[in-house]
Amino acid sequence: PLEELCQDIIESVRLELSPSAKQDFE
């Protein structure tokens, strides 16, 4: 149960580019 909870938390992580990273990307 703890391993599944950890994996669920890991899989829920979402990253968004920061404004400076978005500008660099563009």
PDB file of all heavy atoms in Angstrom:
ATOM      1  N   PRO A   1       0.818  -1.234   0.000  1.00  0.00           N
ATOM      2  CA  PRO A   1       0.000   0.000   0.000  1.00  0.00           C
ATOM      3  C   PRO A   1       0.844   1.273   0.000  1.00  0.00           C
ATOM      4  O   PRO A   1       0.526   2.227  -0.713  1.00  0.00           O
ATOM      5  CB  PRO A   1      -0.837  -0.110   1.279  1.00  0.00           C
ATOM      6  CG  PRO A   1      -0.901  -1.569   1.565  1.00  0.00           C
ATOM      7  CD  PRO A   1       0.409  -2.133   1.092  1.00  0.00           C
ATOM      8  N   LEU A   2       1.940   1.293   0.765  1.00  0.00           N
ATOM      9  CA  LEU A   2       2.806   2.479   0.780  1.00  0.00           C
ATOM     10  C   LEU A   2       3.533   2.654  -0.535  1.00  0.00           C
ATOM     11  O   LEU A   2       3.680   3.770  -1.034  1.00  0.00           O
ATOM     12  CB  LEU A   2       3.811   2.396   1.928  1.00  0.00           C
ATOM     13  CG  LEU A   2       3.291   2.808   3.289  1.00  0.00           C
ATOM     14  CD1 LEU A   2       4.355   2.600   4.349  1.00  0.00           C
ATOM     15  CD2 LEU A   2       2.836   4.250   3.285  1.00  0.00           C
ATOM     16  N   GLU A   3       3.983   1.539  -1.125  1.00  0.00           N
ATOM     17  CA  GLU A   3       4.670   1.618  -2.412  1.00  0.00           C
ATOM     18  C   GLU A   3       3.715   2.144  -3.488  1.00  0.00           C
ATOM     19  O   GLU A   3       4.099   2.967  -4.322  1.00  0.00           O
ATOM     20  CB  GLU A   3       5.219   0.252  -2.812  1.00  0.00           C
ATOM     21  CG  GLU A   3       6.367  -0.184  -1.929  1.00  0.00           C
ATOM     22  CD  GLU A   3       6.744  -1.643  -2.118  1.00  0.00           C
ATOM     23  OE1 GLU A   3       6.105  -2.341  -2.922  1.00  0.00           O
ATOM     24  OE2 GLU A   3       7.683  -2.080  -1.444  1.00  0.00           O
ATOM     25  N   GLU A   4       2.468   1.666  -3.469  1.00  0.00           N
ATOM     26  CA  GLU A   4       1.484   2.136  -4.453  1.00  0.00           C
ATOM     27  C   GLU A   4       1.167   3.615  -4.246  1.00  0.00           C
ATOM     28  O   GLU A   4       1.029   4.360  -5.221  1.00  0.00           O
ATOM     29  CB  GLU A   4       0.215   1.289  -4.364  1.00  0.00           C
ATOM     30  CG  GLU A   4       0.406  -0.118  -4.882  1.00  0.00           C
ATOM     31  CD  GLU A   4      -0.792  -1.027  -4.635  1.00  0.00           C
ATOM     32  OE1 GLU A   4      -1.761  -0.592  -3.970  1.00  0.00           O
ATOM     33  OE2 GLU A   4      -0.746  -2.183  -5.104  1.00  0.00           O
ATOM     34  N   LEU A   5       1.063   4.047  -2.988  1.00  0.00           N
ATOM     35  CA  LEU A   5       0.814   5.459  -2.699  1.00  0.00           C
ATOM     36  C   LEU A   5       1.976   6.318  -3.212  1.00  0.00           C
ATOM     37  O   LEU A   5       1.750   7.347  -3.866  1.00  0.00           O
ATOM     38  CB  LEU A   5       0.619   5.680  -1.200  1.00  0.00           C
ATOM     39  CG  LEU A   5       0.453   7.129  -0.750  1.00  0.00           C
ATOM     40  CD1 LEU A   5      -0.785   7.757  -1.381  1.00  0.00           C
ATOM     41  CD2 LEU A   5       0.395   7.219   0.762  1.00  0.00           C
ATOM     42  N   CYS A   6       3.204   5.900  -2.959  1.00  0.00           N
ATOM     43  CA  CYS A   6       4.376   6.639  -3.455  1.00  0.00           C
ATOM     44  C   CYS A   6       4.350   6.728  -4.971  1.00  0.00           C
ATOM     45  O   CYS A   6       4.580   7.799  -5.544  1.00  0.00           O
ATOM     46  CB  CYS A   6       5.664   5.969  -3.001  1.00  0.00           C
ATOM     47  SG  CYS A   6       5.982   6.077  -1.235  1.00  0.00           S
ATOM     48  N   GLN A   7       4.061   5.616  -5.640  1.00  0.00           N
ATOM     49  CA  GLN A   7       4.038   5.612  -7.101  1.00  0.00           C
ATOM     50  C   GLN A   7       2.921   6.513  -7.627  1.00  0.00           C
ATOM     51  O   GLN A   7       3.105   7.233  -8.604  1.00  0.00           O
ATOM     52  CB  GLN A   7       3.877   4.186  -7.636  1.00  0.00           C
ATOM     53  CG  GLN A   7       4.142   4.070  -9.108  1.00  0.00           C
ATOM     54  CD  GLN A   7       5.553   4.486  -9.491  1.00  0.00           C
ATOM     55  OE1 GLN A   7       6.515   4.179  -8.801  1.00  0.00           O
ATOM     56  NE2 GLN A   7       5.682   5.191 -10.590  1.00  0.00           N
ATOM     57  N   ASP A   8       1.753   6.495  -6.963  1.00  0.00           N
ATOM     58  CA  ASP A   8       0.648   7.380  -7.369  1.00  0.00           C
ATOM     59  C   ASP A   8       1.048   8.844  -7.244  1.00  0.00           C
ATOM     60  O   ASP A   8       0.738   9.666  -8.102  1.00  0.00           O
ATOM     61  CB  ASP A   8      -0.609   7.114  -6.527  1.00  0.00           C
ATOM     62  CG  ASP A   8      -1.274   5.789  -6.855  1.00  0.00           C
ATOM     63  OD1 ASP A   8      -0.932   5.191  -7.908  1.00  0.00           O
ATOM     64  OD2 ASP A   8      -2.125   5.353  -6.063  1.00  0.00           O
ATOM     65  N   ILE A   9       1.751   9.186  -6.170  1.00  0.00           N
ATOM     66  CA  ILE A   9       2.207  10.565  -5.977  1.00  0.00           C
ATOM     67  C   ILE A   9       3.207  10.935  -7.062  1.00  0.00           C
ATOM     68  O   ILE A   9       3.104  12.006  -7.677  1.00  0.00           O
ATOM     69  CB  ILE A   9       2.809  10.751  -4.566  1.00  0.00           C
ATOM     70  CG1 ILE A   9       1.703  10.633  -3.508  1.00  0.00           C
ATOM     71  CG2 ILE A   9       3.532  12.089  -4.453  1.00  0.00           C
ATOM     72  CD1 ILE A   9       2.205  10.535  -2.084  1.00  0.00           C
ATOM     73  N   ILE A  10       4.159  10.044  -7.337  1.00  0.00           N
ATOM     74  CA  ILE A  10       5.166  10.310  -8.371  1.00  0.00           C
ATOM     75  C   ILE A  10       4.492  10.511  -9.725  1.00  0.00           C
ATOM     76  O   ILE A  10       4.815  11.442 -10.470  1.00  0.00           O
ATOM     77  CB  ILE A  10       6.203   9.174  -8.420  1.00  0.00           C
ATOM     78  CG1 ILE A  10       7.111   9.252  -7.187  1.00  0.00           C
ATOM     79  CG2 ILE A  10       7.024   9.224  -9.708  1.00  0.00           C
ATOM     80  CD1 ILE A  10       8.018   8.056  -6.999  1.00  0.00           C
ATOM     81  N   GLU A  11       3.535   9.638 -10.065  1.00  0.00           N
ATOM     82  CA  GLU A  11       2.871   9.735 -11.361  1.00  0.00           C
ATOM     83  C   GLU A  11       1.963  10.958 -11.477  1.00  0.00           C
ATOM     84  O   GLU A  11       1.598  11.349 -12.575  1.00  0.00           O
ATOM     85  CB  GLU A  11       2.094   8.457 -11.648  1.00  0.00           C
ATOM     86  CG  GLU A  11       3.025   7.283 -11.917  1.00  0.00           C
ATOM     87  CD  GLU A  11       2.307   5.961 -12.091  1.00  0.00           C
ATOM     88  OE1 GLU A  11       1.061   5.923 -11.957  1.00  0.00           O
ATOM     89  OE2 GLU A  11       2.992   4.961 -12.357  1.00  0.00           O
ATOM     90  N   SER A  12       1.609  11.580 -10.352  1.00  0.00           N
ATOM     91  CA  SER A  12       0.752  12.761 -10.396  1.00  0.00           C
ATOM     92  C   SER A  12       1.539  14.062 -10.568  1.00  0.00           C
ATOM     93  O   SER A  12       0.939  15.116 -10.765  1.00  0.00           O
ATOM     94  CB  SER A  12      -0.085  12.851  -9.115  1.00  0.00           C
ATOM     95  OG  SER A  12       0.721  13.226  -8.012  1.00  0.00           O
ATOM     96  N   VAL A  13       2.867  13.983 -10.501  1.00  0.00           N
ATOM     97  CA  VAL A  13       3.692  15.189 -10.611  1.00  0.00           C
ATOM     98  C   VAL A  13       3.599  15.752 -12.032  1.00  0.00           C
ATOM     99  O   VAL A  13       3.724  15.038 -13.013  1.00  0.00           O
ATOM    100  CB  VAL A  13       5.165  14.885 -10.258  1.00  0.00           C
ATOM    101  CG1 VAL A  13       6.067  16.066 -10.568  1.00  0.00           C
ATOM    102  CG2 VAL A  13       5.285  14.498  -8.792  1.00  0.00           C
ATOM    103  N   ARG A  14       3.348  17.034 -12.133  1.00  0.00           N
ATOM    104  CA  ARG A  14       3.293  17.739 -13.412  1.00  0.00           C
ATOM    105  C   ARG A  14       4.224  18.950 -13.318  1.00  0.00           C
ATOM    106  O   ARG A  14       4.240  19.651 -12.313  1.00  0.00           O
ATOM    107  CB  ARG A  14       1.879  18.252 -13.723  1.00  0.00           C
ATOM    108  CG  ARG A  14       0.801  17.191 -13.741  1.00  0.00           C
ATOM    109  CD  ARG A  14       0.927  16.294 -14.968  1.00  0.00           C
ATOM    110  NE  ARG A  14      -0.141  15.337 -15.049  1.00  0.00           N
ATOM    111  CZ  ARG A  14      -0.111  14.120 -14.534  1.00  0.00           C
ATOM    112  NH1 ARG A  14       0.936  13.714 -13.869  1.00  0.00           N
ATOM    113  NH2 ARG A  14      -1.127  13.294 -14.675  1.00  0.00           N
ATOM    114  N   LEU A  15       5.000  19.163 -14.346  1.00  0.00           N
ATOM    115  CA  LEU A  15       5.890  20.312 -14.381  1.00  0.00           C
ATOM    116  C   LEU A  15       5.418  21.282 -15.448  1.00  0.00           C
ATOM    117  O   LEU A  15       5.022  20.866 -16.537  1.00  0.00           O
ATOM    118  CB  LEU A  15       7.320  19.884 -14.713  1.00  0.00           C
ATOM    119  CG  LEU A  15       8.072  19.073 -13.679  1.00  0.00           C
ATOM    120  CD1 LEU A  15       9.464  18.753 -14.197  1.00  0.00           C
ATOM    121  CD2 LEU A  15       8.168  19.819 -12.370  1.00  0.00           C
ATOM    122  N   GLU A  16       5.458  22.549 -15.125  1.00  0.00           N
ATOM    123  CA  GLU A  16       5.173  23.584 -16.104  1.00  0.00           C
ATOM    124  C   GLU A  16       6.417  24.440 -16.262  1.00  0.00           C
ATOM    125  O   GLU A  16       7.125  24.706 -15.294  1.00  0.00           O
ATOM    126  CB  GLU A  16       3.990  24.440 -15.641  1.00  0.00           C
ATOM    127  CG  GLU A  16       2.676  23.691 -15.640  1.00  0.00           C
ATOM    128  CD  GLU A  16       1.493  24.596 -15.341  1.00  0.00           C
ATOM    129  OE1 GLU A  16       1.618  25.824 -15.528  1.00  0.00           O
ATOM    130  OE2 GLU A  16       0.467  24.067 -14.922  1.00  0.00           O
ATOM    131  N   LEU A  17       6.656  24.858 -17.483  1.00  0.00           N
ATOM    132  CA  LEU A  17       7.822  25.714 -17.730  1.00  0.00           C
ATOM    133  C   LEU A  17       7.637  27.059 -17.035  1.00  0.00           C
ATOM    134  O   LEU A  17       6.549  27.630 -17.038  1.00  0.00           O
ATOM    135  CB  LEU A  17       8.014  25.916 -19.228  1.00  0.00           C
ATOM    136  CG  LEU A  17       8.367  24.678 -20.046  1.00  0.00           C
ATOM    137  CD1 LEU A  17       8.422  25.024 -21.526  1.00  0.00           C
ATOM    138  CD2 LEU A  17       9.690  24.094 -19.600  1.00  0.00           C
ATOM    139  N   SER A  18       8.716  27.566 -16.484  1.00  0.00           N
ATOM    140  CA  SER A  18       8.692  28.896 -15.882  1.00  0.00           C
ATOM    141  C   SER A  18       8.594  29.930 -17.004  1.00  0.00           C
ATOM    142  O   SER A  18       8.869  29.615 -18.165  1.00  0.00           O
ATOM    143  CB  SER A  18       9.961  29.121 -15.065  1.00  0.00           C
ATOM    144  OG  SER A  18      11.079  29.169 -15.933  1.00  0.00           O
ATOM    145  N   PRO A  19       8.219  31.170 -16.683  1.00  0.00           N
ATOM    146  CA  PRO A  19       8.166  32.205 -17.725  1.00  0.00           C
ATOM    147  C   PRO A  19       9.490  32.355 -18.487  1.00  0.00           C
ATOM    148  O   PRO A  19       9.488  32.480 -19.709  1.00  0.00           O
ATOM    149  CB  PRO A  19       7.808  33.473 -16.954  1.00  0.00           C
ATOM    150  CG  PRO A  19       7.045  32.977 -15.760  1.00  0.00           C
ATOM    151  CD  PRO A  19       7.705  31.675 -15.408  1.00  0.00           C
ATOM    152  N   SER A  20      10.617  32.295 -17.770  1.00  0.00           N
ATOM    153  CA  SER A  20      11.905  32.442 -18.461  1.00  0.00           C
ATOM    154  C   SER A  20      12.187  31.225 -19.341  1.00  0.00           C
ATOM    155  O   SER A  20      12.716  31.364 -20.455  1.00  0.00           O
ATOM    156  CB  SER A  20      13.039  32.652 -17.461  1.00  0.00           C
ATOM    157  OG  SER A  20      13.200  31.520 -16.634  1.00  0.00           O
ATOM    158  N   ALA A  21      11.820  30.016 -18.880  1.00  0.00           N
ATOM    159  CA  ALA A  21      12.021  28.818 -19.695  1.00  0.00           C
ATOM    160  C   ALA A  21      11.102  28.831 -20.912  1.00  0.00           C
ATOM    161  O   ALA A  21      11.510  28.422 -22.003  1.00  0.00           O
ATOM    162  CB  ALA A  21      11.782  27.561 -18.860  1.00  0.00           C
ATOM    163  N   LYS A  22       9.869  29.332 -20.735  1.00  0.00           N
ATOM    164  CA  LYS A  22       8.951  29.458 -21.882  1.00  0.00           C
ATOM    165  C   LYS A  22       9.533  30.423 -22.922  1.00  0.00           C
ATOM    166  O   LYS A  22       9.484  30.155 -24.126  1.00  0.00           O
ATOM    167  CB  LYS A  22       7.583  29.961 -21.422  1.00  0.00           C
ATOM    168  CG  LYS A  22       6.722  28.913 -20.791  1.00  0.00           C
ATOM    169  CD  LYS A  22       5.375  29.497 -20.414  1.00  0.00           C
ATOM    170  CE  LYS A  22       4.557  28.500 -19.629  1.00  0.00           C
ATOM    171  NZ  LYS A  22       3.274  29.031 -19.192  1.00  0.00           N
ATOM    172  N   GLN A  23      10.078  31.529 -22.431  1.00  0.00           N
ATOM    173  CA  GLN A  23      10.675  32.514 -23.337  1.00  0.00           C
ATOM    174  C   GLN A  23      11.872  31.909 -24.078  1.00  0.00           C
ATOM    175  O   GLN A  23      11.999  32.073 -25.294  1.00  0.00           O
ATOM    176  CB  GLN A  23      11.101  33.759 -22.555  1.00  0.00           C
ATOM    177  CG  GLN A  23      11.665  34.856 -23.435  1.00  0.00           C
ATOM    178  CD  GLN A  23      12.060  36.080 -22.621  1.00  0.00           C
ATOM    179  OE1 GLN A  23      11.893  36.122 -21.402  1.00  0.00           O
ATOM    180  NE2 GLN A  23      12.608  37.080 -23.295  1.00  0.00           N
ATOM    181  N   ASP A  24      12.731  31.187 -23.351  1.00  0.00           N
ATOM    182  CA  ASP A  24      13.871  30.514 -23.987  1.00  0.00           C
ATOM    183  C   ASP A  24      13.393  29.526 -25.042  1.00  0.00           C
ATOM    184  O   ASP A  24      13.928  29.464 -26.145  1.00  0.00           O
ATOM    185  CB  ASP A  24      14.722  29.774 -22.951  1.00  0.00           C
ATOM    186  CG  ASP A  24      15.480  30.705 -22.026  1.00  0.00           C
ATOM    187  OD1 ASP A  24      15.572  31.918 -22.336  1.00  0.00           O
ATOM    188  OD2 ASP A  24      15.976  30.220 -20.983  1.00  0.00           O
ATOM    189  N   PHE A  25      12.376  28.754 -24.695  1.00  0.00           N
ATOM    190  CA  PHE A  25      11.838  27.765 -25.624  1.00  0.00           C
ATOM    191  C   PHE A  25      11.285  28.431 -26.884  1.00  0.00           C
ATOM    192  O   PHE A  25      11.556  27.983 -28.000  1.00  0.00           O
ATOM    193  CB  PHE A  25      10.752  26.928 -24.934  1.00  0.00           C
ATOM    194  CG  PHE A  25      10.044  25.982 -25.852  1.00  0.00           C
ATOM    195  CD1 PHE A  25      10.677  24.836 -26.307  1.00  0.00           C
ATOM    196  CD2 PHE A  25       8.750  26.237 -26.273  1.00  0.00           C
ATOM    197  CE1 PHE A  25      10.026  23.957 -27.158  1.00  0.00           C
ATOM    198  CE2 PHE A  25       8.096  25.368 -27.127  1.00  0.00           C
ATOM    199  CZ  PHE A  25       8.735  24.220 -27.571  1.00  0.00           C
ATOM    200  N   GLU A  26      10.532  29.510 -26.698  1.00  0.00           N
ATOM    201  CA  GLU A  26       9.954  30.208 -27.848  1.00  0.00           C
ATOM    202  C   GLU A  26      11.039  30.813 -28.746  1.00  0.00           C
ATOM    203  O   GLU A  26      10.930  30.786 -29.970  1.00  0.00           O
ATOM    204  CB  GLU A  26       8.969  31.275 -27.373  1.00  0.00           C
ATOM    205  CG  GLU A  26       7.700  30.671 -26.796  1.00  0.00           C
ATOM    206  CD  GLU A  26       6.834  31.671 -26.039  1.00  0.00           C
ATOM    207  OE1 GLU A  26       7.217  32.865 -25.939  1.00  0.00           O
ATOM    208  OE2 GLU A  26       5.777  31.252 -25.539  1.00  0.00           O
TER     209      GLU A  26
END
